[in-house]
Amino acid sequence: MAAAMAHALRERGVEDAVAAMAGEVGVLAFRDGYDAWTADGNTRDLNELVSEALQRVRSAAGKLG
């Protein structure tokens, strides 16, 4: 999945290293959102949960830099 994301980004002109990292981050956010989506009692949309997970990753990265 990460490789497919990175490939699509490279085709859009994104630098190799940035595309590779973005692909891995995308998988991380998807996995986190998917886990929340499949949790017992969840009624929220997968897209919403993945978007929130990506925002958490962005926030965490900002605190590191």
C-alpha atoms as a PDB file:
ATOM      1  CA  MET A   1       0.000   0.000   0.000  1.00  0.00           C
ATOM      2  CA  ALA A   2       2.817   2.415   0.922  1.00  0.00           C
ATOM      3  CA  ALA A   3       4.619   1.638  -2.329  1.00  0.00           C
ATOM      4  CA  ALA A   4       1.469   2.327  -4.355  1.00  0.00           C
ATOM      5  CA  MET A   5       0.964   5.659  -2.590  1.00  0.00           C
ATOM      6  CA  ALA A   6       4.598   6.599  -3.128  1.00  0.00           C
ATOM      7  CA  HIS A   7       4.421   5.625  -6.793  1.00  0.00           C
ATOM      8  CA  ALA A   8       1.339   7.778  -7.347  1.00  0.00           C
ATOM      9  CA  LEU A   9       3.060  10.729  -5.679  1.00  0.00           C
ATOM     10  CA  ARG A  10       6.214  10.275  -7.763  1.00  0.00           C
ATOM     11  CA  GLU A  11       4.090  10.302 -10.917  1.00  0.00           C
ATOM     12  CA  ARG A  12       2.772  13.678  -9.747  1.00  0.00           C
ATOM     13  CA  GLY A  13       6.306  15.017  -9.453  1.00  0.00           C
ATOM     14  CA  VAL A  14       6.964  14.505  -5.751  1.00  0.00           C
ATOM     15  CA  GLU A  15      10.618  13.859  -4.871  1.00  0.00           C
ATOM     16  CA  ASP A  16      11.440  10.175  -4.237  1.00  0.00           C
ATOM     17  CA  ALA A  17      12.331  10.467  -0.538  1.00  0.00           C
ATOM     18  CA  VAL A  18       9.300  12.622   0.224  1.00  0.00           C
ATOM     19  CA  ALA A  19       6.999  10.287  -1.698  1.00  0.00           C
ATOM     20  CA  ALA A  20       8.335   7.248   0.170  1.00  0.00           C
ATOM     21  CA  MET A  21       7.862   8.893   3.560  1.00  0.00           C
ATOM     22  CA  ALA A  22       4.391  10.127   2.646  1.00  0.00           C
ATOM     23  CA  GLY A  23       3.423   6.613   1.582  1.00  0.00           C
ATOM     24  CA  GLU A  24       4.505   5.196   4.929  1.00  0.00           C
ATOM     25  CA  VAL A  25       2.695   7.957   6.824  1.00  0.00           C
ATOM     26  CA  GLY A  26      -0.412   7.290   4.770  1.00  0.00           C
ATOM     27  CA  VAL A  27      -0.333   3.631   5.755  1.00  0.00           C
ATOM     28  CA  LEU A  28       0.132   4.562   9.408  1.00  0.00           C
ATOM     29  CA  ALA A  29      -2.893   6.872   9.298  1.00  0.00           C
ATOM     30  CA  PHE A  30      -4.968   4.316   7.419  1.00  0.00           C
ATOM     31  CA  ARG A  31      -4.123   1.559   9.898  1.00  0.00           C
ATOM     32  CA  ASP A  32      -5.023   3.761  12.856  1.00  0.00           C
ATOM     33  CA  GLY A  33      -8.275   4.871  11.239  1.00  0.00           C
ATOM     34  CA  TYR A  34      -9.158   1.331  10.221  1.00  0.00           C
ATOM     35  CA  ASP A  35      -8.592   0.056  13.753  1.00  0.00           C
ATOM     36  CA  ALA A  36     -10.959   2.722  15.076  1.00  0.00           C
ATOM     37  CA  TRP A  37     -13.485   1.960  12.332  1.00  0.00           C
ATOM     38  CA  THR A  38     -13.582  -1.750  13.142  1.00  0.00           C
ATOM     39  CA  ALA A  39     -13.751  -1.205  16.913  1.00  0.00           C
ATOM     40  CA  ASP A  40     -16.828  -2.479  18.702  1.00  0.00           C
ATOM     41  CA  GLY A  41     -19.545   0.144  18.833  1.00  0.00           C
ATOM     42  CA  ASN A  42     -18.070   2.435  16.187  1.00  0.00           C
ATOM     43  CA  THR A  43     -20.641   4.278  14.083  1.00  0.00           C
ATOM     44  CA  ARG A  44     -18.278   6.726  12.379  1.00  0.00           C
ATOM     45  CA  ASP A  45     -17.175   6.787   8.755  1.00  0.00           C
ATOM     46  CA  LEU A  46     -13.790   5.300   7.782  1.00  0.00           C
ATOM     47  CA  ASN A  47     -12.788   8.398   5.818  1.00  0.00           C
ATOM     48  CA  GLU A  48     -13.433  10.628   8.820  1.00  0.00           C
ATOM     49  CA  LEU A  49     -11.412   8.376  11.111  1.00  0.00           C
ATOM     50  CA  VAL A  50      -8.471   8.148   8.701  1.00  0.00           C
ATOM     51  CA  SER A  51      -8.491  11.931   8.250  1.00  0.00           C
ATOM     52  CA  GLU A  52      -8.369  12.393  12.012  1.00  0.00           C
ATOM     53  CA  ALA A  53      -5.519   9.885  12.279  1.00  0.00           C
ATOM     54  CA  LEU A  54      -3.578  11.768   9.616  1.00  0.00           C
ATOM     55  CA  GLN A  55      -4.112  14.999  11.516  1.00  0.00           C
ATOM     56  CA  ARG A  56      -2.693  13.352  14.652  1.00  0.00           C
ATOM     57  CA  VAL A  57       0.381  12.255  12.670  1.00  0.00           C
ATOM     58  CA  ARG A  58       0.845  15.808  11.362  1.00  0.00           C
ATOM     59  CA  SER A  59       0.502  17.220  14.844  1.00  0.00           C
ATOM     60  CA  ALA A  60       3.012  14.751  16.264  1.00  0.00           C
ATOM     61  CA  ALA A  61       5.498  15.520  13.482  1.00  0.00           C
ATOM     62  CA  GLY A  62       5.154  19.225  14.153  1.00  0.00           C
ATOM     63  CA  LYS A  63       5.994  18.708  17.803  1.00  0.00           C
ATOM     64  CA  LEU A  64       9.153  16.824  16.840  1.00  0.00           C
ATOM     65  CA  GLY A  65      10.514  19.452  14.531  1.00  0.00           C
END
